[in-house]
Amino acid sequence: MAEKLLLDPATVVGYVTAMSDPGVLGQAAAGAADVLQGGYFRDMLVAERHGVLNDLVKSRAELADQSEFGGAIVLGRLHDEVLAKEHQLDHLDALISALDERFASHWVHR
């Protein structure tokens, strides 16, 4: 006996999509699921941002320590490392900002 699917197989991309589909849970529940998922993802991004910021501080300190006696190759590598971490930090900030903008009305308590 074949099982009856709640959704057309073409619409099932993954668990998140199925849980956020208003046809399965209703509009209010789907919206609440989106807010919870957005909050979880934001928390993960903030934790990642703290780690990257910590790494950036260490890399900048190492670059400053090596600036007087380090060779060109070492300084170039450290400079590239600092730039990459700064870029990663900017990207995380943009993602966090986008989530804050999208869910600001739901996260008044944050």
PDB file of N, CA and C in Angstrom:
ATOM      1  N   MET A   1       0.847  -1.181   0.000  1.00  0.00           N
ATOM      2  CA  MET A   1       0.000   0.000   0.000  1.00  0.00           C
ATOM      3  C   MET A   1       0.893   1.245   0.000  1.00  0.00           C
ATOM      4  N   ALA A   2       0.674   2.155  -0.898  1.00  0.00           N
ATOM      5  CA  ALA A   2       1.475   3.376  -1.007  1.00  0.00           C
ATOM      6  C   ALA A   2       1.027   4.384   0.046  1.00  0.00           C
ATOM      7  N   GLU A   3       2.010   5.071   0.620  1.00  0.00           N
ATOM      8  CA  GLU A   3       1.698   6.099   1.613  1.00  0.00           C
ATOM      9  C   GLU A   3       1.259   7.374   0.918  1.00  0.00           C
ATOM     10  N   LYS A   4       0.325   8.062   1.522  1.00  0.00           N
ATOM     11  CA  LYS A   4      -0.132   9.328   0.968  1.00  0.00           C
ATOM     12  C   LYS A   4       0.757  10.438   1.532  1.00  0.00           C
ATOM     13  N   LEU A   5       1.329  11.236   0.634  1.00  0.00           N
ATOM     14  CA  LEU A   5       2.181  12.346   1.045  1.00  0.00           C
ATOM     15  C   LEU A   5       1.338  13.574   1.350  1.00  0.00           C
ATOM     16  N   LEU A   6       1.765  14.325   2.374  1.00  0.00           N
ATOM     17  CA  LEU A   6       1.076  15.565   2.700  1.00  0.00           C
ATOM     18  C   LEU A   6       1.389  16.663   1.698  1.00  0.00           C
ATOM     19  N   LEU A   7       2.539  16.561   1.066  1.00  0.00           N
ATOM     20  CA  LEU A   7       2.975  17.553   0.091  1.00  0.00           C
ATOM     21  C   LEU A   7       3.305  16.872  -1.220  1.00  0.00           C
ATOM     22  N   ASP A   8       3.185  17.610  -2.276  1.00  0.00           N
ATOM     23  CA  ASP A   8       3.632  17.134  -3.575  1.00  0.00           C
ATOM     24  C   ASP A   8       5.131  16.885  -3.480  1.00  0.00           C
ATOM     25  N   PRO A   9       5.659  15.756  -3.947  1.00  0.00           N
ATOM     26  CA  PRO A   9       7.095  15.473  -3.842  1.00  0.00           C
ATOM     27  C   PRO A   9       7.981  16.575  -4.404  1.00  0.00           C
ATOM     28  N   ALA A  10       7.495  17.326  -5.383  1.00  0.00           N
ATOM     29  CA  ALA A  10       8.301  18.397  -5.965  1.00  0.00           C
ATOM     30  C   ALA A  10       8.522  19.543  -4.982  1.00  0.00           C
ATOM     31  N   THR A  11       7.650  19.680  -3.964  1.00  0.00           N
ATOM     32  CA  THR A  11       7.787  20.787  -3.013  1.00  0.00           C
ATOM     33  C   THR A  11       8.616  20.412  -1.793  1.00  0.00           C
ATOM     34  N   VAL A  12       8.902  19.146  -1.616  1.00  0.00           N
ATOM     35  CA  VAL A  12       9.670  18.708  -0.453  1.00  0.00           C
ATOM     36  C   VAL A  12      11.150  18.775  -0.793  1.00  0.00           C
ATOM     37  N   VAL A  13      11.781  19.829  -0.337  1.00  0.00           N
ATOM     38  CA  VAL A  13      13.213  20.007  -0.567  1.00  0.00           C
ATOM     39  C   VAL A  13      13.986  19.503   0.633  1.00  0.00           C
ATOM     40  N   GLY A  14      13.426  19.643   1.780  1.00  0.00           N
ATOM     41  CA  GLY A  14      14.074  19.215   3.020  1.00  0.00           C
ATOM     42  C   GLY A  14      13.138  19.466   4.179  1.00  0.00           C
ATOM     43  N   TYR A  15      13.598  19.104   5.341  1.00  0.00           N
ATOM     44  CA  TYR A  15      12.788  19.223   6.554  1.00  0.00           C
ATOM     45  C   TYR A  15      12.354  20.661   6.794  1.00  0.00           C
ATOM     46  N   VAL A  16      13.273  21.602   6.609  1.00  0.00           N
ATOM     47  CA  VAL A  16      12.958  22.999   6.871  1.00  0.00           C
ATOM     48  C   VAL A  16      11.852  23.482   5.943  1.00  0.00           C
ATOM     49  N   THR A  17      11.924  23.140   4.682  1.00  0.00           N
ATOM     50  CA  THR A  17      10.904  23.564   3.733  1.00  0.00           C
ATOM     51  C   THR A  17       9.546  22.985   4.109  1.00  0.00           C
ATOM     52  N   ALA A  18       9.525  21.709   4.436  1.00  0.00           N
ATOM     53  CA  ALA A  18       8.253  21.083   4.786  1.00  0.00           C
ATOM     54  C   ALA A  18       7.668  21.691   6.058  1.00  0.00           C
ATOM     55  N   MET A  19       8.494  21.987   7.048  1.00  0.00           N
ATOM     56  CA  MET A  19       7.999  22.561   8.299  1.00  0.00           C
ATOM     57  C   MET A  19       7.509  23.990   8.103  1.00  0.00           C
ATOM     58  N   SER A  20       8.080  24.698   7.146  1.00  0.00           N
ATOM     59  CA  SER A  20       7.706  26.089   6.929  1.00  0.00           C
ATOM     60  C   SER A  20       6.556  26.244   5.936  1.00  0.00           C
ATOM     61  N   ASP A  21       6.078  25.156   5.382  1.00  0.00           N
ATOM     62  CA  ASP A  21       5.012  25.207   4.397  1.00  0.00           C
ATOM     63  C   ASP A  21       3.682  25.428   5.116  1.00  0.00           C
ATOM     64  N   PRO A  22       3.000  26.551   4.828  1.00  0.00           N
ATOM     65  CA  PRO A  22       1.745  26.825   5.512  1.00  0.00           C
ATOM     66  C   PRO A  22       0.664  25.784   5.235  1.00  0.00           C
ATOM     67  N   GLY A  23       0.795  25.024   4.141  1.00  0.00           N
ATOM     68  CA  GLY A  23      -0.192  23.995   3.850  1.00  0.00           C
ATOM     69  C   GLY A  23      -0.155  22.856   4.842  1.00  0.00           C
ATOM     70  N   VAL A  24       0.975  22.640   5.491  1.00  0.00           N
ATOM     71  CA  VAL A  24       1.106  21.546   6.449  1.00  0.00           C
ATOM     72  C   VAL A  24       0.734  21.999   7.853  1.00  0.00           C
ATOM     73  N   LEU A  25       1.278  23.117   8.281  1.00  0.00           N
ATOM     74  CA  LEU A  25       1.101  23.548   9.663  1.00  0.00           C
ATOM     75  C   LEU A  25       0.107  24.686   9.834  1.00  0.00           C
ATOM     76  N   GLY A  26      -0.235  25.359   8.791  1.00  0.00           N
ATOM     77  CA  GLY A  26      -1.036  26.566   8.904  1.00  0.00           C
ATOM     78  C   GLY A  26      -0.118  27.780   8.903  1.00  0.00           C
ATOM     79  N   GLN A  27      -0.658  28.902   8.535  1.00  0.00           N
ATOM     80  CA  GLN A  27       0.147  30.109   8.365  1.00  0.00           C
ATOM     81  C   GLN A  27       0.828  30.537   9.666  1.00  0.00           C
ATOM     82  N   ALA A  28       0.121  30.541  10.775  1.00  0.00           N
ATOM     83  CA  ALA A  28       0.694  30.999  12.050  1.00  0.00           C
ATOM     84  C   ALA A  28       1.829  30.091  12.504  1.00  0.00           C
ATOM     85  N   ALA A  29       1.611  28.785  12.406  1.00  0.00           N
ATOM     86  CA  ALA A  29       2.643  27.841  12.840  1.00  0.00           C
ATOM     87  C   ALA A  29       3.869  27.908  11.931  1.00  0.00           C
ATOM     88  N   ALA A  30       3.649  28.073  10.637  1.00  0.00           N
ATOM     89  CA  ALA A  30       4.775  28.190   9.707  1.00  0.00           C
ATOM     90  C   ALA A  30       5.568  29.454  10.000  1.00  0.00           C
ATOM     91  N   GLY A  31       4.879  30.551  10.303  1.00  0.00           N
ATOM     92  CA  GLY A  31       5.562  31.794  10.663  1.00  0.00           C
ATOM     93  C   GLY A  31       6.353  31.640  11.950  1.00  0.00           C
ATOM     94  N   ALA A  32       5.766  30.961  12.928  1.00  0.00           N
ATOM     95  CA  ALA A  32       6.473  30.732  14.194  1.00  0.00           C
ATOM     96  C   ALA A  32       7.703  29.857  13.979  1.00  0.00           C
ATOM     97  N   ALA A  33       7.589  28.854  13.113  1.00  0.00           N
ATOM     98  CA  ALA A  33       8.740  27.998  12.804  1.00  0.00           C
ATOM     99  C   ALA A  33       9.844  28.802  12.137  1.00  0.00           C
ATOM    100  N   ASP A  34       9.472  29.706  11.237  1.00  0.00           N
ATOM    101  CA  ASP A  34      10.470  30.558  10.585  1.00  0.00           C
ATOM    102  C   ASP A  34      11.186  31.436  11.598  1.00  0.00           C
ATOM    103  N   VAL A  35      10.438  32.007  12.539  1.00  0.00           N
ATOM    104  CA  VAL A  35      11.041  32.864  13.563  1.00  0.00           C
ATOM    105  C   VAL A  35      12.000  32.058  14.438  1.00  0.00           C
ATOM    106  N   LEU A  36      11.601  30.872  14.836  1.00  0.00           N
ATOM    107  CA  LEU A  36      12.479  30.030  15.659  1.00  0.00           C
ATOM    108  C   LEU A  36      13.745  29.625  14.900  1.00  0.00           C
ATOM    109  N   GLN A  37      13.583  29.243  13.651  1.00  0.00           N
ATOM    110  CA  GLN A  37      14.746  28.871  12.837  1.00  0.00           C
ATOM    111  C   GLN A  37      15.658  30.070  12.619  1.00  0.00           C
ATOM    112  N   GLY A  38      15.073  31.234  12.370  1.00  0.00           N
ATOM    113  CA  GLY A  38      15.864  32.448  12.206  1.00  0.00           C
ATOM    114  C   GLY A  38      16.634  32.786  13.471  1.00  0.00           C
ATOM    115  N   GLY A  39      15.996  32.622  14.619  1.00  0.00           N
ATOM    116  CA  GLY A  39      16.663  32.891  15.896  1.00  0.00           C
ATOM    117  C   GLY A  39      17.802  31.933  16.167  1.00  0.00           C
ATOM    118  N   TYR A  40      17.568  30.666  15.872  1.00  0.00           N
ATOM    119  CA  TYR A  40      18.617  29.662  16.047  1.00  0.00           C
ATOM    120  C   TYR A  40      19.809  29.968  15.141  1.00  0.00           C
ATOM    121  N   PHE A  41      19.518  30.273  13.880  1.00  0.00           N
ATOM    122  CA  PHE A  41      20.578  30.574  12.927  1.00  0.00           C
ATOM    123  C   PHE A  41      21.333  31.831  13.337  1.00  0.00           C
ATOM    124  N   ARG A  42      20.615  32.849  13.817  1.00  0.00           N
ATOM    125  CA  ARG A  42      21.266  34.077  14.269  1.00  0.00           C
ATOM    126  C   ARG A  42      22.210  33.786  15.429  1.00  0.00           C
ATOM    127  N   ASP A  43      21.759  32.986  16.379  1.00  0.00           N
ATOM    128  CA  ASP A  43      22.607  32.630  17.525  1.00  0.00           C
ATOM    129  C   ASP A  43      23.873  31.909  17.071  1.00  0.00           C
ATOM    130  N   MET A  44      23.745  31.037  16.084  1.00  0.00           N
ATOM    131  CA  MET A  44      24.912  30.332  15.553  1.00  0.00           C
ATOM    132  C   MET A  44      25.871  31.306  14.853  1.00  0.00           C
ATOM    133  N   LEU A  45      25.318  32.253  14.122  1.00  0.00           N
ATOM    134  CA  LEU A  45      26.152  33.247  13.447  1.00  0.00           C
ATOM    135  C   LEU A  45      26.878  34.140  14.453  1.00  0.00           C
ATOM    136  N   VAL A  46      26.194  34.520  15.525  1.00  0.00           N
ATOM    137  CA  VAL A  46      26.821  35.354  16.559  1.00  0.00           C
ATOM    138  C   VAL A  46      27.953  34.585  17.238  1.00  0.00           C
ATOM    139  N   ALA A  47      27.743  33.310  17.518  1.00  0.00           N
ATOM    140  CA  ALA A  47      28.805  32.494  18.113  1.00  0.00           C
ATOM    141  C   ALA A  47      29.990  32.385  17.164  1.00  0.00           C
ATOM    142  N   GLU A  48      29.714  32.172  15.883  1.00  0.00           N
ATOM    143  CA  GLU A  48      30.780  32.105  14.883  1.00  0.00           C
ATOM    144  C   GLU A  48      31.512  33.438  14.788  1.00  0.00           C
ATOM    145  N   ARG A  49      30.766  34.539  14.879  1.00  0.00           N
ATOM    146  CA  ARG A  49      31.363  35.870  14.816  1.00  0.00           C
ATOM    147  C   ARG A  49      32.338  36.080  15.974  1.00  0.00           C
ATOM    148  N   HIS A  50      31.963  35.633  17.161  1.00  0.00           N
ATOM    149  CA  HIS A  50      32.853  35.768  18.321  1.00  0.00           C
ATOM    150  C   HIS A  50      34.157  34.994  18.098  1.00  0.00           C
ATOM    151  N   GLY A  51      34.051  33.812  17.539  1.00  0.00           N
ATOM    152  CA  GLY A  51      35.248  33.023  17.248  1.00  0.00           C
ATOM    153  C   GLY A  51      36.137  33.689  16.211  1.00  0.00           C
ATOM    154  N   VAL A  52      35.530  34.206  15.154  1.00  0.00           N
ATOM    155  CA  VAL A  52      36.301  34.880  14.107  1.00  0.00           C
ATOM    156  C   VAL A  52      36.935  36.152  14.652  1.00  0.00           C
ATOM    157  N   LEU A  53      36.198  36.892  15.473  1.00  0.00           N
ATOM    158  CA  LEU A  53      36.748  38.113  16.064  1.00  0.00           C
ATOM    159  C   LEU A  53      37.941  37.795  16.960  1.00  0.00           C
ATOM    160  N   ASN A  54      37.842  36.732  17.732  1.00  0.00           N
ATOM    161  CA  ASN A  54      38.956  36.306  18.579  1.00  0.00           C
ATOM    162  C   ASN A  54      40.171  35.941  17.724  1.00  0.00           C
ATOM    163  N   ASP A  55      39.945  35.198  16.647  1.00  0.00           N
ATOM    164  CA  ASP A  55      41.029  34.837  15.737  1.00  0.00           C
ATOM    165  C   ASP A  55      41.636  36.072  15.078  1.00  0.00           C
ATOM    166  N   LEU A  56      40.798  37.043  14.738  1.00  0.00           N
ATOM    167  CA  LEU A  56      41.275  38.278  14.112  1.00  0.00           C
ATOM    168  C   LEU A  56      42.183  39.061  15.058  1.00  0.00           C
ATOM    169  N   VAL A  57      41.795  39.150  16.317  1.00  0.00           N
ATOM    170  CA  VAL A  57      42.621  39.846  17.311  1.00  0.00           C
ATOM    171  C   VAL A  57      43.979  39.160  17.440  1.00  0.00           C
ATOM    172  N   LYS A  58      43.982  37.826  17.482  1.00  0.00           N
ATOM    173  CA  LYS A  58      45.240  37.081  17.577  1.00  0.00           C
ATOM    174  C   LYS A  58      46.098  37.292  16.329  1.00  0.00           C
ATOM    175  N   SER A  59      45.465  37.278  15.158  1.00  0.00           N
ATOM    176  CA  SER A  59      46.216  37.464  13.912  1.00  0.00           C
ATOM    177  C   SER A  59      46.801  38.863  13.821  1.00  0.00           C
ATOM    178  N   ARG A  60      46.050  39.863  14.249  1.00  0.00           N
ATOM    179  CA  ARG A  60      46.570  41.236  14.236  1.00  0.00           C
ATOM    180  C   ARG A  60      47.736  41.379  15.209  1.00  0.00           C
ATOM    181  N   ALA A  61      47.637  40.749  16.364  1.00  0.00           N
ATOM    182  CA  ALA A  61      48.728  40.804  17.337  1.00  0.00           C
ATOM    183  C   ALA A  61      49.970  40.118  16.789  1.00  0.00           C
ATOM    184  N   GLU A  62      49.788  38.977  16.140  1.00  0.00           N
ATOM    185  CA  GLU A  62      50.925  38.268  15.553  1.00  0.00           C
ATOM    186  C   GLU A  62      51.555  39.088  14.425  1.00  0.00           C
ATOM    187  N   LEU A  63      50.743  39.746  13.628  1.00  0.00           N
ATOM    188  CA  LEU A  63      51.251  40.607  12.560  1.00  0.00           C
ATOM    189  C   LEU A  63      52.056  41.764  13.140  1.00  0.00           C
ATOM    190  N   ALA A  64      51.559  42.355  14.209  1.00  0.00           N
ATOM    191  CA  ALA A  64      52.285  43.456  14.854  1.00  0.00           C
ATOM    192  C   ALA A  64      53.607  42.970  15.436  1.00  0.00           C
ATOM    193  N   ASP A  65      53.607  41.775  16.040  1.00  0.00           N
ATOM    194  CA  ASP A  65      54.838  41.216  16.611  1.00  0.00           C
ATOM    195  C   ASP A  65      55.872  40.921  15.534  1.00  0.00           C
ATOM    196  N   GLN A  66      55.412  40.449  14.395  1.00  0.00           N
ATOM    197  CA  GLN A  66      56.326  40.057  13.317  1.00  0.00           C
ATOM    198  C   GLN A  66      56.736  41.232  12.421  1.00  0.00           C
ATOM    199  N   SER A  67      56.078  42.367  12.559  1.00  0.00           N
ATOM    200  CA  SER A  67      56.308  43.469  11.621  1.00  0.00           C
ATOM    201  C   SER A  67      57.744  43.979  11.640  1.00  0.00           C
ATOM    202  N   GLU A  68      58.405  43.892  12.780  1.00  0.00           N
ATOM    203  CA  GLU A  68      59.770  44.399  12.869  1.00  0.00           C
ATOM    204  C   GLU A  68      60.802  43.396  12.359  1.00  0.00           C
ATOM    205  N   PHE A  69      60.613  42.123  12.668  1.00  0.00           N
ATOM    206  CA  PHE A  69      61.639  41.134  12.351  1.00  0.00           C
ATOM    207  C   PHE A  69      61.198  40.056  11.361  1.00  0.00           C
ATOM    208  N   GLY A  70      59.929  40.027  11.007  1.00  0.00           N
ATOM    209  CA  GLY A  70      59.432  38.983  10.111  1.00  0.00           C
ATOM    210  C   GLY A  70      59.850  39.232   8.676  1.00  0.00           C
ATOM    211  N   GLY A  71      60.004  38.178   7.949  1.00  0.00           N
ATOM    212  CA  GLY A  71      60.339  38.286   6.537  1.00  0.00           C
ATOM    213  C   GLY A  71      59.117  38.643   5.713  1.00  0.00           C
ATOM    214  N   ALA A  72      59.361  38.973   4.463  1.00  0.00           N
ATOM    215  CA  ALA A  72      58.283  39.394   3.576  1.00  0.00           C
ATOM    216  C   ALA A  72      57.232  38.302   3.396  1.00  0.00           C
ATOM    217  N   ILE A  73      57.661  37.064   3.307  1.00  0.00           N
ATOM    218  CA  ILE A  73      56.717  35.960   3.110  1.00  0.00           C
ATOM    219  C   ILE A  73      55.815  35.797   4.330  1.00  0.00           C
ATOM    220  N   VAL A  74      56.427  35.857   5.512  1.00  0.00           N
ATOM    221  CA  VAL A  74      55.654  35.719   6.758  1.00  0.00           C
ATOM    222  C   VAL A  74      54.680  36.881   6.901  1.00  0.00           C
ATOM    223  N   LEU A  75      55.150  38.083   6.657  1.00  0.00           N
ATOM    224  CA  LEU A  75      54.293  39.252   6.776  1.00  0.00           C
ATOM    225  C   LEU A  75      53.157  39.213   5.754  1.00  0.00           C
ATOM    226  N   GLY A  76      53.464  38.781   4.545  1.00  0.00           N
ATOM    227  CA  GLY A  76      52.430  38.664   3.521  1.00  0.00           C
ATOM    228  C   GLY A  76      51.363  37.663   3.902  1.00  0.00           C
ATOM    229  N   ARG A  77      51.796  36.522   4.432  1.00  0.00           N
ATOM    230  CA  ARG A  77      50.844  35.493   4.866  1.00  0.00           C
ATOM    231  C   ARG A  77      49.960  36.008   5.997  1.00  0.00           C
ATOM    232  N   LEU A  78      50.577  36.674   6.981  1.00  0.00           N
ATOM    233  CA  LEU A  78      49.803  37.194   8.103  1.00  0.00           C
ATOM    234  C   LEU A  78      48.844  38.299   7.662  1.00  0.00           C
ATOM    235  N   HIS A  79      49.294  39.144   6.744  1.00  0.00           N
ATOM    236  CA  HIS A  79      48.435  40.205   6.236  1.00  0.00           C
ATOM    237  C   HIS A  79      47.235  39.613   5.500  1.00  0.00           C
ATOM    238  N   ASP A  80      47.472  38.603   4.679  1.00  0.00           N
ATOM    239  CA  ASP A  80      46.378  37.931   3.976  1.00  0.00           C
ATOM    240  C   ASP A  80      45.409  37.276   4.959  1.00  0.00           C
ATOM    241  N   GLU A  81      45.948  36.708   6.017  1.00  0.00           N
ATOM    242  CA  GLU A  81      45.121  36.068   7.045  1.00  0.00           C
ATOM    243  C   GLU A  81      44.219  37.104   7.720  1.00  0.00           C
ATOM    244  N   VAL A  82      44.782  38.257   8.050  1.00  0.00           N
ATOM    245  CA  VAL A  82      44.002  39.328   8.678  1.00  0.00           C
ATOM    246  C   VAL A  82      42.900  39.796   7.728  1.00  0.00           C
ATOM    247  N   LEU A  83      43.236  40.015   6.460  1.00  0.00           N
ATOM    248  CA  LEU A  83      42.235  40.457   5.489  1.00  0.00           C
ATOM    249  C   LEU A  83      41.109  39.431   5.325  1.00  0.00           C
ATOM    250  N   ALA A  84      41.465  38.160   5.292  1.00  0.00           N
ATOM    251  CA  ALA A  84      40.454  37.104   5.150  1.00  0.00           C
ATOM    252  C   ALA A  84      39.520  37.077   6.357  1.00  0.00           C
ATOM    253  N   LYS A  85      40.074  37.243   7.537  1.00  0.00           N
ATOM    254  CA  LYS A  85      39.242  37.242   8.749  1.00  0.00           C
ATOM    255  C   LYS A  85      38.361  38.485   8.802  1.00  0.00           C
ATOM    256  N   GLU A  86      38.878  39.622   8.361  1.00  0.00           N
ATOM    257  CA  GLU A  86      38.062  40.836   8.300  1.00  0.00           C
ATOM    258  C   GLU A  86      36.910  40.663   7.312  1.00  0.00           C
ATOM    259  N   HIS A  87      37.197  40.038   6.176  1.00  0.00           N
ATOM    260  CA  HIS A  87      36.153  39.780   5.183  1.00  0.00           C
ATOM    261  C   HIS A  87      35.105  38.826   5.754  1.00  0.00           C
ATOM    262  N   GLN A  88      35.542  37.799   6.443  1.00  0.00           N
ATOM    263  CA  GLN A  88      34.622  36.840   7.047  1.00  0.00           C
ATOM    264  C   GLN A  88      33.756  37.528   8.101  1.00  0.00           C
ATOM    265  N   LEU A  89      34.348  38.416   8.876  1.00  0.00           N
ATOM    266  CA  LEU A  89      33.607  39.157   9.893  1.00  0.00           C
ATOM    267  C   LEU A  89      32.550  40.054   9.240  1.00  0.00           C
ATOM    268  N   ASP A  90      32.923  40.731   8.160  1.00  0.00           N
ATOM    269  CA  ASP A  90      31.961  41.574   7.438  1.00  0.00           C
ATOM    270  C   ASP A  90      30.802  40.746   6.892  1.00  0.00           C
ATOM    271  N   HIS A  91      31.115  39.570   6.374  1.00  0.00           N
ATOM    272  CA  HIS A  91      30.078  38.693   5.831  1.00  0.00           C
ATOM    273  C   HIS A  91      29.125  38.223   6.936  1.00  0.00           C
ATOM    274  N   LEU A  92      29.675  37.833   8.078  1.00  0.00           N
ATOM    275  CA  LEU A  92      28.833  37.416   9.198  1.00  0.00           C
ATOM    276  C   LEU A  92      27.967  38.570   9.688  1.00  0.00           C
ATOM    277  N   ASP A  93      28.547  39.771   9.753  1.00  0.00           N
ATOM    278  CA  ASP A  93      27.771  40.951  10.162  1.00  0.00           C
ATOM    279  C   ASP A  93      26.602  41.204   9.212  1.00  0.00           C
ATOM    280  N   ALA A  94      26.836  41.033   7.912  1.00  0.00           N
ATOM    281  CA  ALA A  94      25.778  41.233   6.924  1.00  0.00           C
ATOM    282  C   ALA A  94      24.664  40.195   7.098  1.00  0.00           C
ATOM    283  N   LEU A  95      25.039  38.945   7.356  1.00  0.00           N
ATOM    284  CA  LEU A  95      24.034  37.900   7.557  1.00  0.00           C
ATOM    285  C   LEU A  95      23.215  38.156   8.822  1.00  0.00           C
ATOM    286  N   ILE A  96      23.888  38.540   9.892  1.00  0.00           N
ATOM    287  CA  ILE A  96      23.194  38.837  11.157  1.00  0.00           C
ATOM    288  C   ILE A  96      22.257  40.029  10.967  1.00  0.00           C
ATOM    289  N   SER A  97      22.738  41.048  10.270  1.00  0.00           N
ATOM    290  CA  SER A  97      21.921  42.230  10.009  1.00  0.00           C
ATOM    291  C   SER A  97      20.682  41.888   9.192  1.00  0.00           C
ATOM    292  N   ALA A  98      20.843  41.033   8.203  1.00  0.00           N
ATOM    293  CA  ALA A  98      19.706  40.622   7.373  1.00  0.00           C
ATOM    294  C   ALA A  98      18.668  39.865   8.203  1.00  0.00           C
ATOM    295  N   LEU A  99      19.126  38.991   9.087  1.00  0.00           N
ATOM    296  CA  LEU A  99      18.186  38.278   9.961  1.00  0.00           C
ATOM    297  C   LEU A  99      17.498  39.239  10.919  1.00  0.00           C
ATOM    298  N   ASP A 100      18.259  40.193  11.466  1.00  0.00           N
ATOM    299  CA  ASP A 100      17.665  41.174  12.374  1.00  0.00           C
ATOM    300  C   ASP A 100      16.595  41.996  11.658  1.00  0.00           C
ATOM    301  N   GLU A 101      16.888  42.382  10.426  1.00  0.00           N
ATOM    302  CA  GLU A 101      15.926  43.168   9.652  1.00  0.00           C
ATOM    303  C   GLU A 101      14.672  42.352   9.350  1.00  0.00           C
ATOM    304  N   ARG A 102      14.865  41.102   8.998  1.00  0.00           N
ATOM    305  CA  ARG A 102      13.737  40.239   8.631  1.00  0.00           C
ATOM    306  C   ARG A 102      12.841  39.919   9.829  1.00  0.00           C
ATOM    307  N   PHE A 103      13.444  39.691  10.995  1.00  0.00           N
ATOM    308  CA  PHE A 103      12.674  39.231  12.147  1.00  0.00           C
ATOM    309  C   PHE A 103      12.654  40.239  13.296  1.00  0.00           C
ATOM    310  N   ALA A 104      12.985  41.506  13.043  1.00  0.00           N
ATOM    311  CA  ALA A 104      13.078  42.506  14.109  1.00  0.00           C
ATOM    312  C   ALA A 104      11.801  42.615  14.935  1.00  0.00           C
ATOM    313  N   SER A 105      10.679  42.572  14.284  1.00  0.00           N
ATOM    314  CA  SER A 105       9.417  42.722  15.028  1.00  0.00           C
ATOM    315  C   SER A 105       9.147  41.538  15.950  1.00  0.00           C
ATOM    316  N   HIS A 106       9.737  40.396  15.675  1.00  0.00           N
ATOM    317  CA  HIS A 106       9.532  39.208  16.507  1.00  0.00           C
ATOM    318  C   HIS A 106      10.571  39.096  17.616  1.00  0.00           C
ATOM    319  N   TRP A 107      11.677  39.845  17.492  1.00  0.00           N
ATOM    320  CA  TRP A 107      12.780  39.733  18.441  1.00  0.00           C
ATOM    321  C   TRP A 107      12.929  40.966  19.303  1.00  0.00           C
ATOM    322  N   VAL A 108      11.836  41.603  19.657  1.00  0.00           N
ATOM    323  CA  VAL A 108      11.885  42.809  20.482  1.00  0.00           C
ATOM    324  C   VAL A 108      12.560  42.524  21.819  1.00  0.00           C
ATOM    325  N   HIS A 109      12.406  41.327  22.311  1.00  0.00           N
ATOM    326  CA  HIS A 109      12.953  40.938  23.621  1.00  0.00           C
ATOM    327  C   HIS A 109      14.459  40.699  23.601  1.00  0.00           C
ATOM    328  N   ARG A 110      15.088  40.596  22.435  1.00  0.00           N
ATOM    329  CA  ARG A 110      16.519  40.302  22.349  1.00  0.00           C
ATOM    330  C   ARG A 110      17.360  41.453  22.793  1.00  0.00           C
TER     331      ARG A 110
END
